[in-house]
Amino acid sequence: MNPRAKLTVKQAAQYLHVSVSTLKRWRADNTGPTWFKATDAINSPCLYEVADLDRWVMMQKGKA
């Protein structure tokens, strides 16, 4: 998969094998992978870049 590909919350959750609600909690707690909004609009969807998800997973290795 292209590391610059943008994933929706649902796609990112599937990619990480976690629930959508887990990603939502991580965003609220500021503990999950980097995310961004496509625009400044209030209803703009949260998006994740594949490279950011991979980087975040690598940083989690060894934590327990």
C-alpha atoms as a PDB file:
ATOM      1  CA  MET A   1       0.000   0.000   0.000  1.00  0.00           C
ATOM      2  CA  ASN A   2       1.209   3.475  -0.817  1.00  0.00           C
ATOM      3  CA  PRO A   3       2.624   5.014   2.414  1.00  0.00           C
ATOM      4  CA  ARG A   4       1.110   8.370   1.401  1.00  0.00           C
ATOM      5  CA  ALA A   5      -2.378   6.850   1.002  1.00  0.00           C
ATOM      6  CA  LYS A   6      -5.071   8.468   3.122  1.00  0.00           C
ATOM      7  CA  LEU A   7      -7.414   6.211   5.101  1.00  0.00           C
ATOM      8  CA  THR A   8     -10.763   6.961   6.685  1.00  0.00           C
ATOM      9  CA  VAL A   9     -11.272   6.173  10.365  1.00  0.00           C
ATOM     10  CA  LYS A  10     -12.958   2.879   9.464  1.00  0.00           C
ATOM     11  CA  GLN A  11     -10.150   1.909   7.098  1.00  0.00           C
ATOM     12  CA  ALA A  12      -7.482   2.896   9.637  1.00  0.00           C
ATOM     13  CA  ALA A  13      -9.211   0.839  12.330  1.00  0.00           C
ATOM     14  CA  GLN A  14      -9.217  -2.178  10.029  1.00  0.00           C
ATOM     15  CA  TYR A  15      -5.568  -1.565   9.124  1.00  0.00           C
ATOM     16  CA  LEU A  16      -4.598  -1.504  12.832  1.00  0.00           C
ATOM     17  CA  HIS A  17      -7.029  -4.287  13.820  1.00  0.00           C
ATOM     18  CA  VAL A  18      -8.777  -2.095  16.395  1.00  0.00           C
ATOM     19  CA  SER A  19     -12.292  -0.719  16.671  1.00  0.00           C
ATOM     20  CA  VAL A  20     -13.414   2.672  15.398  1.00  0.00           C
ATOM     21  CA  SER A  21     -14.243   3.605  19.005  1.00  0.00           C
ATOM     22  CA  THR A  22     -10.659   2.803  20.040  1.00  0.00           C
ATOM     23  CA  LEU A  23      -9.339   5.244  17.431  1.00  0.00           C
ATOM     24  CA  LYS A  24     -11.836   7.841  18.651  1.00  0.00           C
ATOM     25  CA  ARG A  25     -10.635   7.383  22.240  1.00  0.00           C
ATOM     26  CA  TRP A  26      -6.989   7.604  21.171  1.00  0.00           C
ATOM     27  CA  ARG A  27      -7.737  10.876  19.334  1.00  0.00           C
ATOM     28  CA  ALA A  28      -9.459  12.281  22.435  1.00  0.00           C
ATOM     29  CA  ASP A  29      -6.584  11.157  24.676  1.00  0.00           C
ATOM     30  CA  ASN A  30      -3.955  12.271  22.137  1.00  0.00           C
ATOM     31  CA  THR A  31      -2.262   8.856  22.423  1.00  0.00           C
ATOM     32  CA  GLY A  32      -2.891   7.305  19.012  1.00  0.00           C
ATOM     33  CA  PRO A  33      -1.423   7.731  15.575  1.00  0.00           C
ATOM     34  CA  THR A  34      -1.219  11.117  13.881  1.00  0.00           C
ATOM     35  CA  TRP A  35      -4.443  12.142  12.170  1.00  0.00           C
ATOM     36  CA  PHE A  36      -5.717  15.203  10.358  1.00  0.00           C
ATOM     37  CA  LYS A  37      -8.877  16.789   9.013  1.00  0.00           C
ATOM     38  CA  ALA A  38      -9.261  17.101   5.256  1.00  0.00           C
ATOM     39  CA  THR A  39     -10.573  20.672   5.613  1.00  0.00           C
ATOM     40  CA  ASP A  40     -11.380  23.178   8.350  1.00  0.00           C
ATOM     41  CA  ALA A  41     -15.093  22.368   8.129  1.00  0.00           C
ATOM     42  CA  ILE A  42     -16.601  21.052  11.367  1.00  0.00           C
ATOM     43  CA  ASN A  43     -17.941  17.941   9.611  1.00  0.00           C
ATOM     44  CA  SER A  44     -14.712  17.208   7.742  1.00  0.00           C
ATOM     45  CA  PRO A  45     -13.682  13.588   8.259  1.00  0.00           C
ATOM     46  CA  CYS A  46     -10.610  12.552  10.228  1.00  0.00           C
ATOM     47  CA  LEU A  47      -8.012  10.912   8.017  1.00  0.00           C
ATOM     48  CA  TYR A  48      -4.882   8.886   8.647  1.00  0.00           C
ATOM     49  CA  GLU A  49      -1.844   8.480   6.415  1.00  0.00           C
ATOM     50  CA  VAL A  50      -0.553   4.908   6.110  1.00  0.00           C
ATOM     51  CA  ALA A  51       3.045   6.006   6.858  1.00  0.00           C
ATOM     52  CA  ASP A  52       1.865   7.608  10.128  1.00  0.00           C
ATOM     53  CA  LEU A  53       0.032   4.429  11.132  1.00  0.00           C
ATOM     54  CA  ASP A  54       3.112   2.317  10.411  1.00  0.00           C
ATOM     55  CA  ARG A  55       5.354   4.740  12.323  1.00  0.00           C
ATOM     56  CA  TRP A  56       2.998   4.692  15.320  1.00  0.00           C
ATOM     57  CA  VAL A  57       2.920   0.863  15.354  1.00  0.00           C
ATOM     58  CA  MET A  58       6.731   0.742  15.319  1.00  0.00           C
ATOM     59  CA  MET A  59       6.846   3.148  18.291  1.00  0.00           C
ATOM     60  CA  GLN A  60       4.469   0.874  20.236  1.00  0.00           C
ATOM     61  CA  LYS A  61       6.738  -2.167  19.950  1.00  0.00           C
ATOM     62  CA  GLY A  62       8.274  -3.018  23.295  1.00  0.00           C
ATOM     63  CA  LYS A  63       5.717  -1.035  25.295  1.00  0.00           C
ATOM     64  CA  ALA A  64       3.597  -3.039  27.687  1.00  0.00           C
END
